Amino acid sequence: MRSEQTDMQVTRVPFATVLASIVGLWLTYFVLVSLRGELVALDFSMEILWRRALACLIGVGVTLALWLVLRLFDGHRLWVKIAAALVLSMPVAVVIAQANQMVFAPLEEKAFRTAAEQRGFTVRRSASGDLLVDIPGMGIPNMPGEEPAAATITADMLQGTYWQQITEVAFGRYFMLLAWCALYLALLTGEKARAAERREGDYRRAAKAAELRSLRYQVNPHFLFNTLNSLSALVLTGKTAAAERMIQTISTFYRRSLAADPTSDVPLHEEIALQKLYLDIEAVRFPLRLVADYAIPPELEEALVPGMILQPLVENSVKHAIAPSCGQVTITLTAREEYGRLVVTVSDNGQASIDDSQTRPGYGIGLANVRERLEARFGDQASVVSGRVPGGYATHLRLPVLRQREAYAA
């Protein structure tokens, strides 16, 4: 029979859970039968109690053996597992019934005598060793006025043969085992559902990580293209010292940006330091026009943000505010906490575009990248608002305030 999964992928019920279910089954049986036995109130109830406990321990062991065989069908279809439970439980029930008979065999005659005497019968043994029961009132009178003779029957006639007793007990144990098999299949189904949820979570995280990597890698080539153009311009104009400083700064920038995991968060102070490197690179090209200002409160420096999330915003401020301007332009990076959210703002006091539209021409790609990265990381807990403000242009990022210890819970 072809299984649904390979051996390496078969979902298993933990042994501790299986053992607890088996022990719980037999413990429940022990308690219920013991309570019923108290109603009979035999004089040797303590002896019955420890023998019953022994029989239940044997039942636990045999049921564990049934599980070892039944678990071989864990990877098969449901109907195969049900058929296996129905078939395998039969011989196991017979084994348990025989063990039960062996454990209680020394008490059979004693129990039978006690039960018969409670009903007014007389129990004795014949010369051949058979157990006989004398029942008064069922004989034939010998003479008028005399007591009738007692009728005598064997114990087997009342109790049934050995195999009749085994069969009766086996049927009861068979349905007990089927009840446990049903519980085991339910536990197995639950484990498979949890395993499927874990796999789905792993796939979702892997997909999100791939999306974040893709979005992050969209930033680096664009930035590299711009910086190489700036470096080329410095070399062509003979500004070798400035070009050398720019090369060193670019090297530091890429060493820091590429060393980090593209899907990981970084402390805000590291992200700001990376953007400072970028602005230092651009300051070589625009020494008189670019001014950078940073306002990051100390209590927010360890707040986590996606790595290089500010890069497209700062880069576009340089491209659309400083490059076309003839005067000095200030790019400002600020952070604040507002209603339990971290608000990071990238703004500049560059001139308005010709059409004074809500979004700068060519600004949509970088802004869309930032939106997609924040949505992939935080879902609807983060937002981006961008547009003109009095005296310039600003983009506000609102995201949860996370510290290092809270990153994995987000």
Protein backbone atom coordinates (compact mmCIF):
# COMPACT_ATOMS: atom_id res chain seq x y z
CA MET A 1 0.00 0.00 0.00
CA ARG A 2 1.35 3.36 -1.01
CA SER A 3 1.68 5.71 1.95
CA GLU A 4 0.73 9.37 1.89
CA GLN A 5 4.15 10.47 3.07
CA THR A 6 7.66 9.15 3.08
CA ASP A 7 9.08 7.67 6.28
CA MET A 8 11.03 10.84 6.96
CA GLN A 9 7.85 12.95 6.73
CA VAL A 10 5.39 10.80 8.69
CA THR A 11 3.84 12.74 11.55
CA ARG A 12 4.05 10.93 14.88
CA VAL A 13 2.20 11.29 18.14
CA PRO A 14 4.78 11.92 20.92
CA PHE A 15 5.49 8.84 23.04
CA ALA A 16 4.62 10.73 26.22
CA THR A 17 1.16 11.48 24.83
CA VAL A 18 0.63 7.87 23.76
CA LEU A 19 1.74 6.57 27.15
CA ALA A 20 -0.52 9.04 28.96
CA SER A 21 -3.53 7.97 26.87
CA ILE A 22 -2.88 4.26 27.53
CA VAL A 23 -2.30 4.71 31.25
CA GLY A 24 -5.39 6.93 31.44
CA LEU A 25 -7.50 4.25 29.74
CA TRP A 26 -6.46 1.46 32.08
CA LEU A 27 -6.51 3.66 35.17
CA THR A 28 -10.10 4.64 34.37
CA TYR A 29 -10.98 0.97 33.92
CA PHE A 30 -9.28 0.09 37.24
CA VAL A 31 -11.18 2.78 39.15
CA LEU A 32 -14.58 1.96 37.65
CA VAL A 33 -14.26 -1.80 38.14
CA SER A 34 -12.97 -1.30 41.68
CA LEU A 35 -15.95 0.89 42.52
CA ARG A 36 -18.26 -1.76 41.12
CA GLY A 37 -16.40 -4.41 43.17
CA GLU A 38 -17.08 -2.47 46.35
CA LEU A 39 -20.78 -3.11 45.83
CA VAL A 40 -20.13 -6.87 45.97
CA ALA A 41 -18.13 -6.46 49.21
CA LEU A 42 -16.15 -9.71 49.08
CA ASP A 43 -14.07 -10.57 52.14
CA PHE A 44 -10.90 -10.76 50.05
CA SER A 45 -11.36 -7.46 48.19
CA MET A 46 -7.76 -6.34 48.90
CA GLU A 47 -6.39 -9.42 47.18
CA ILE A 48 -8.66 -8.74 44.22
CA LEU A 49 -7.48 -5.13 44.17
CA TRP A 50 -3.78 -5.89 43.74
CA ARG A 51 -4.51 -8.62 41.21
CA ARG A 52 -6.67 -6.21 39.26
CA ALA A 53 -3.85 -3.65 39.38
CA LEU A 54 -1.46 -6.30 38.04
CA ALA A 55 -3.91 -7.16 35.24
CA CYS A 56 -4.16 -3.46 34.34
CA LEU A 57 -0.35 -3.13 34.23
CA ILE A 58 -0.25 -6.08 31.86
CA GLY A 59 -2.96 -4.35 29.84
CA VAL A 60 -0.80 -1.21 29.63
CA GLY A 61 2.14 -3.23 28.35
CA VAL A 62 0.11 -5.14 25.77
CA THR A 63 -1.59 -1.93 24.57
CA LEU A 64 1.85 -0.35 24.11
CA ALA A 65 2.78 -3.35 21.96
CA LEU A 66 -0.40 -2.74 19.93
CA TRP A 67 0.67 0.89 19.45
CA LEU A 68 4.12 -0.15 18.21
CA VAL A 69 2.44 -2.13 15.44
CA LEU A 70 -0.34 0.39 14.80
CA ARG A 71 2.13 3.26 14.35
CA LEU A 72 3.53 1.48 11.29
CA PHE A 73 0.32 2.60 9.56
CA ASP A 74 0.61 6.27 10.57
CA GLY A 75 1.54 7.35 7.06
CA HIS A 76 -1.29 5.46 5.33
CA ARG A 77 -4.79 6.50 4.41
CA LEU A 78 -7.44 6.76 7.11
CA TRP A 79 -9.39 3.69 6.04
CA VAL A 80 -6.20 1.60 6.18
CA LYS A 81 -5.52 2.79 9.73
CA ILE A 82 -9.10 1.99 10.78
CA ALA A 83 -8.89 -1.48 9.25
CA ALA A 84 -5.56 -2.09 10.98
CA ALA A 85 -7.06 -1.04 14.33
CA LEU A 86 -10.06 -3.34 13.88
CA VAL A 87 -7.92 -6.35 12.95
CA LEU A 88 -4.97 -5.86 15.31
CA SER A 89 -7.18 -5.27 18.34
CA MET A 90 -8.69 -8.78 18.09
CA PRO A 91 -5.63 -10.89 19.00
CA VAL A 92 -4.51 -8.26 21.49
CA ALA A 93 -7.89 -8.48 23.25
CA VAL A 94 -7.53 -12.28 23.47
CA VAL A 95 -4.03 -11.94 24.95
CA ILE A 96 -5.29 -9.47 27.57
CA ALA A 97 -8.24 -11.78 28.40
CA GLN A 98 -5.90 -14.76 28.86
CA ALA A 99 -3.58 -12.70 31.07
CA ASN A 100 -6.59 -11.59 33.10
CA GLN A 101 -7.67 -15.23 33.48
CA MET A 102 -4.20 -16.26 34.65
CA VAL A 103 -4.00 -13.44 37.20
CA PHE A 104 -7.41 -14.22 38.71
CA ALA A 105 -7.29 -18.05 38.38
CA PRO A 106 -6.23 -18.58 42.04
CA LEU A 107 -9.31 -16.63 43.18
CA GLU A 108 -11.87 -18.23 40.92
CA GLU A 109 -12.93 -21.02 43.33
CA LYS A 110 -12.89 -18.70 46.33
CA ALA A 111 -14.97 -16.08 44.53
CA PHE A 112 -17.38 -18.70 43.25
CA ARG A 113 -17.85 -20.24 46.71
CA THR A 114 -18.51 -16.83 48.25
CA ALA A 115 -21.02 -15.83 45.59
CA ALA A 116 -22.82 -19.22 45.81
CA GLU A 117 -22.99 -19.20 49.61
CA GLN A 118 -24.42 -15.67 49.58
CA ARG A 119 -27.33 -17.14 47.59
CA GLY A 120 -27.81 -20.06 50.00
CA PHE A 121 -26.12 -22.69 47.87
CA THR A 122 -23.67 -25.31 49.12
CA VAL A 123 -20.41 -25.76 47.26
CA ARG A 124 -18.33 -28.92 47.58
CA ARG A 125 -15.85 -30.98 45.62
CA SER A 126 -16.60 -34.43 44.26
CA ALA A 127 -14.33 -37.44 44.61
CA SER A 128 -13.04 -36.71 41.09
CA GLY A 129 -12.16 -33.14 42.06
CA ASP A 130 -14.97 -31.38 40.24
CA LEU A 131 -16.57 -28.38 41.90
CA LEU A 132 -20.23 -29.16 42.67
CA VAL A 133 -23.08 -26.86 43.73
CA ASP A 134 -26.01 -28.20 45.77
CA ILE A 135 -29.21 -26.22 45.19
CA PRO A 136 -31.90 -26.93 47.85
CA GLY A 137 -35.51 -27.25 46.74
CA MET A 138 -34.75 -28.52 43.23
CA GLY A 139 -34.50 -32.23 44.08
CA ILE A 140 -37.19 -35.00 44.20
CA PRO A 141 -38.68 -35.95 47.65
CA ASN A 142 -37.62 -39.38 48.87
CA MET A 143 -40.64 -40.06 51.13
CA PRO A 144 -43.67 -38.04 52.11
CA GLY A 145 -42.74 -35.51 54.77
CA GLU A 146 -38.99 -35.69 54.04
CA GLU A 147 -36.90 -32.77 52.78
CA PRO A 148 -36.18 -33.00 49.07
CA ALA A 149 -32.68 -33.95 48.08
CA ALA A 150 -30.40 -31.16 46.75
CA ALA A 151 -29.79 -30.95 43.02
CA THR A 152 -26.11 -31.01 42.14
CA ILE A 153 -24.56 -29.23 39.14
CA THR A 154 -20.98 -28.56 38.20
CA ALA A 155 -19.38 -25.11 38.39
CA ASP A 156 -18.72 -25.20 34.66
CA MET A 157 -22.44 -25.43 34.09
CA LEU A 158 -22.85 -22.11 35.91
CA GLN A 159 -19.68 -20.33 34.85
CA GLY A 160 -19.16 -21.76 31.38
CA THR A 161 -16.04 -23.40 30.01
CA TYR A 162 -12.58 -21.82 30.06
CA TRP A 163 -12.85 -20.59 26.46
CA GLN A 164 -16.32 -19.27 27.03
CA GLN A 165 -14.97 -17.16 29.86
CA ILE A 166 -12.02 -16.03 27.73
CA THR A 167 -14.34 -15.06 24.88
CA GLU A 168 -16.60 -13.04 27.16
CA VAL A 169 -13.69 -11.08 28.63
CA ALA A 170 -12.03 -10.69 25.22
CA PHE A 171 -15.12 -9.02 23.76
CA GLY A 172 -15.08 -6.44 26.53
CA ARG A 173 -11.36 -5.78 26.09
CA TYR A 174 -11.78 -5.60 22.31
CA PHE A 175 -14.17 -2.65 22.56
CA MET A 176 -11.88 -1.01 25.12
CA LEU A 177 -8.99 -1.26 22.67
CA LEU A 178 -11.11 0.09 19.82
CA ALA A 179 -11.99 3.08 22.01
CA TRP A 180 -8.29 3.70 22.59
CA CYS A 181 -7.51 3.26 18.88
CA ALA A 182 -10.13 5.91 18.09
CA LEU A 183 -8.45 8.22 20.62
CA TYR A 184 -5.04 7.49 19.08
CA LEU A 185 -6.28 8.29 15.57
CA ALA A 186 -7.76 11.54 16.89
CA LEU A 187 -4.42 12.43 18.49
CA LEU A 188 -2.62 11.57 15.25
CA THR A 189 -4.99 13.77 13.26
CA GLY A 190 -4.36 16.62 15.70
CA GLU A 191 -0.60 16.19 15.36
CA LYS A 192 -0.90 16.26 11.57
CA ALA A 193 -2.95 19.44 11.75
CA ARG A 194 -0.36 21.08 13.99
CA ALA A 195 2.46 19.91 11.71
CA ALA A 196 0.62 21.37 8.72
CA GLU A 197 0.24 24.68 10.59
CA ARG A 198 3.96 24.68 11.40
CA ARG A 199 4.86 23.96 7.77
CA GLU A 200 2.51 26.67 6.59
CA GLY A 201 4.11 29.09 9.05
CA ASP A 202 7.57 28.11 7.82
CA TYR A 203 6.54 28.59 4.20
CA ARG A 204 4.97 31.94 5.02
CA ARG A 205 8.10 33.11 6.81
CA ALA A 206 10.29 31.86 3.97
CA ALA A 207 8.12 33.68 1.44
CA LYS A 208 8.24 36.86 3.51
CA ALA A 209 12.02 36.57 3.86
CA ALA A 210 12.36 36.10 0.09
CA GLU A 211 10.15 39.13 -0.50
CA LEU A 212 12.20 41.23 1.91
CA ARG A 213 15.45 40.14 0.26
CA SER A 214 14.07 40.99 -3.15
CA LEU A 215 12.95 44.43 -2.03
CA ARG A 216 16.21 45.07 -0.21
CA TYR A 217 18.29 44.08 -3.22
CA GLN A 218 16.36 46.56 -5.33
CA VAL A 219 17.97 49.33 -3.27
CA ASN A 220 21.64 48.42 -3.62
CA PRO A 221 22.00 48.42 -7.46
CA HIS A 222 20.21 51.76 -7.74
CA PHE A 223 22.44 53.32 -5.12
CA LEU A 224 25.56 51.83 -6.69
CA PHE A 225 24.61 53.25 -10.08
CA ASN A 226 24.25 56.76 -8.63
CA THR A 227 27.47 56.65 -6.61
CA LEU A 228 29.50 55.37 -9.56
CA ASN A 229 28.17 58.25 -11.64
CA SER A 230 29.21 60.68 -8.91
CA LEU A 231 32.64 59.08 -8.68
CA SER A 232 33.04 59.23 -12.45
CA ALA A 233 32.21 62.94 -12.41
CA LEU A 234 34.87 63.61 -9.76
CA VAL A 235 37.50 61.72 -11.71
CA LEU A 236 36.63 63.51 -14.97
CA THR A 237 36.91 66.91 -13.28
CA GLY A 238 40.27 66.02 -11.76
CA LYS A 239 39.14 66.02 -8.15
CA THR A 240 41.28 63.03 -7.24
CA ALA A 241 41.45 63.72 -3.50
CA ALA A 242 37.68 63.99 -3.29
CA ALA A 243 37.35 60.86 -5.42
CA GLU A 244 39.68 58.95 -3.08
CA ARG A 245 37.69 60.03 -0.03
CA MET A 246 34.51 59.03 -1.80
CA ILE A 247 35.91 55.57 -2.64
CA GLN A 248 36.84 55.01 1.01
CA THR A 249 33.43 56.12 2.18
CA ILE A 250 31.69 53.93 -0.43
CA SER A 251 33.78 50.97 0.75
CA THR A 252 32.72 51.56 4.36
CA PHE A 253 29.11 52.02 3.33
CA TYR A 254 28.93 48.75 1.41
CA ARG A 255 30.86 46.82 4.02
CA ARG A 256 28.27 47.79 6.62
CA SER A 257 25.19 47.47 4.42
CA LEU A 258 26.08 44.12 2.86
CA ALA A 259 27.26 42.51 6.10
CA ALA A 260 23.76 42.54 7.59
CA ASP A 261 21.01 40.04 6.86
CA PRO A 262 18.68 41.65 4.29
CA THR A 263 15.64 40.42 6.23
CA SER A 264 16.80 41.55 9.67
CA ASP A 265 16.03 44.69 11.61
CA VAL A 266 18.76 47.03 12.80
CA PRO A 267 18.87 49.59 15.61
CA LEU A 268 17.82 53.05 14.48
CA HIS A 269 21.22 54.53 15.31
CA GLU A 270 22.89 52.07 12.90
CA GLU A 271 20.43 52.95 10.13
CA ILE A 272 21.06 56.66 10.72
CA ALA A 273 24.84 56.07 10.70
CA LEU A 274 24.50 54.28 7.35
CA GLN A 275 22.55 57.18 5.88
CA LYS A 276 25.16 59.58 7.22
CA LEU A 277 27.77 57.67 5.23
CA TYR A 278 25.63 58.00 2.13
CA LEU A 279 25.16 61.74 2.66
CA ASP A 280 28.91 62.11 3.25
CA ILE A 281 29.41 60.49 -0.17
CA GLU A 282 26.97 62.90 -1.78
CA ALA A 283 28.53 65.82 0.09
CA VAL A 284 31.68 65.24 -1.93
CA ARG A 285 29.64 65.91 -5.07
CA PHE A 286 27.60 68.77 -3.53
CA PRO A 287 29.96 70.34 -0.99
CA LEU A 288 28.16 73.69 -0.89
CA ARG A 289 24.57 72.63 -1.43
CA LEU A 290 24.06 69.64 0.88
CA VAL A 291 23.52 70.08 4.58
CA ALA A 292 22.47 67.14 6.76
CA ASP A 293 20.72 67.45 10.10
CA TYR A 294 19.97 64.56 12.50
CA ALA A 295 17.57 64.66 15.45
CA ILE A 296 17.36 61.20 17.06
CA PRO A 297 16.40 61.07 20.76
CA PRO A 298 18.74 58.82 22.80
CA GLU A 299 15.80 56.72 24.07
CA LEU A 300 14.93 55.75 20.49
CA GLU A 301 18.41 54.91 19.26
CA GLU A 302 17.92 51.19 20.02
CA ALA A 303 14.50 50.99 18.37
CA LEU A 304 14.54 48.50 15.51
CA VAL A 305 13.81 49.35 11.87
CA PRO A 306 14.27 47.35 8.65
CA GLY A 307 17.82 47.74 7.37
CA MET A 308 18.29 50.47 4.71
CA ILE A 309 14.61 51.41 4.90
CA LEU A 310 15.55 55.11 4.75
CA GLN A 311 17.92 54.76 1.80
CA PRO A 312 15.38 55.33 -1.02
CA LEU A 313 13.95 58.36 0.82
CA VAL A 314 17.31 60.02 1.45
CA GLU A 315 18.47 59.20 -2.07
CA ASN A 316 15.39 60.78 -3.60
CA SER A 317 15.82 63.91 -1.49
CA VAL A 318 19.29 64.24 -2.95
CA LYS A 319 18.04 63.60 -6.47
CA HIS A 320 14.95 65.83 -6.42
CA ALA A 321 15.85 68.56 -3.91
CA ILE A 322 19.63 69.06 -4.02
CA ALA A 323 20.63 68.12 -7.59
CA PRO A 324 18.29 70.60 -9.33
CA SER A 325 18.83 73.34 -6.75
CA CYS A 326 21.32 76.19 -6.97
CA GLY A 327 21.18 77.03 -3.29
CA GLN A 328 21.76 75.21 -0.05
CA VAL A 329 19.31 72.43 0.87
CA THR A 330 19.02 70.77 4.25
CA ILE A 331 18.05 67.11 4.54
CA THR A 332 16.72 66.31 7.99
CA LEU A 333 16.34 62.87 9.59
CA THR A 334 14.27 62.86 12.77
CA ALA A 335 12.61 60.31 15.03
CA ARG A 336 9.98 60.54 17.73
CA GLU A 337 7.56 58.33 19.57
CA GLU A 338 3.92 59.18 18.99
CA TYR A 339 0.97 57.27 20.51
CA GLY A 340 3.11 54.19 21.02
CA ARG A 341 4.50 54.25 17.47
CA LEU A 342 7.94 55.09 16.17
CA VAL A 343 7.75 57.94 13.65
CA VAL A 344 10.83 58.40 11.47
CA THR A 345 10.81 61.39 9.13
CA VAL A 346 13.00 62.20 6.15
CA SER A 347 12.43 65.81 5.00
CA ASP A 348 14.11 68.51 2.98
CA ASN A 349 13.51 72.18 2.25
CA GLY A 350 13.93 71.78 -1.50
CA GLN A 351 11.78 73.76 -3.94
CA ALA A 352 8.38 72.46 -5.02
CA SER A 353 8.09 70.61 -8.29
CA ILE A 354 6.61 72.41 -11.28
CA ASP A 355 3.18 70.78 -10.95
CA ASP A 356 3.32 70.86 -7.16
CA SER A 357 1.88 67.31 -7.11
CA GLN A 358 1.51 65.25 -3.97
CA THR A 359 4.39 62.99 -4.96
CA ARG A 360 7.58 64.16 -6.63
CA PRO A 361 8.17 63.06 -10.21
CA GLY A 362 10.15 59.81 -10.19
CA TYR A 363 9.63 59.45 -6.43
CA GLY A 364 7.05 56.68 -6.67
CA ILE A 365 9.41 53.72 -7.20
CA GLY A 366 11.50 54.30 -4.09
CA LEU A 367 8.41 55.11 -2.02
CA ALA A 368 6.62 51.98 -3.27
CA ASN A 369 9.66 49.91 -2.28
CA VAL A 370 9.55 51.34 1.25
CA ARG A 371 5.80 50.69 1.52
CA GLU A 372 6.15 47.09 0.33
CA ARG A 373 9.01 46.37 2.73
CA LEU A 374 7.13 47.78 5.70
CA GLU A 375 3.99 45.86 4.74
CA ALA A 376 5.97 42.62 4.38
CA ARG A 377 7.59 43.17 7.77
CA PHE A 378 4.77 44.66 9.87
CA GLY A 379 1.55 44.21 7.88
CA ASP A 380 -1.04 46.87 8.67
CA GLN A 381 0.87 47.97 11.78
CA ALA A 382 3.07 50.28 9.69
CA SER A 383 2.26 53.13 7.32
CA VAL A 384 3.97 55.65 5.03
CA VAL A 385 2.76 59.21 4.48
CA SER A 386 4.57 61.36 1.94
CA GLY A 387 3.89 64.80 0.49
CA ARG A 388 4.61 68.48 0.51
CA VAL A 389 4.86 70.36 3.79
CA PRO A 390 5.37 74.07 4.40
CA GLY A 391 8.85 74.86 3.16
CA GLY A 392 9.67 71.53 1.57
CA TYR A 393 8.86 67.84 1.32
CA ALA A 394 8.60 65.13 3.97
CA THR A 395 7.99 61.41 4.29
CA HIS A 396 6.84 59.96 7.60
CA LEU A 397 7.25 56.28 8.46
CA ARG A 398 5.09 55.00 11.33
CA LEU A 399 5.92 51.56 12.67
CA PRO A 400 5.79 49.63 15.95
CA VAL A 401 8.35 50.52 18.60
CA LEU A 402 10.43 47.36 18.89
CA ARG A 403 13.51 46.69 20.95
CA GLN A 404 15.89 43.76 20.47
CA ARG A 405 14.06 41.53 22.97
CA GLU A 406 10.74 42.14 21.21
CA ALA A 407 11.91 41.56 17.63
CA TYR A 408 11.11 37.86 17.49
CA ALA A 409 7.61 38.34 18.90
CA ALA A 410 6.63 40.80 16.21
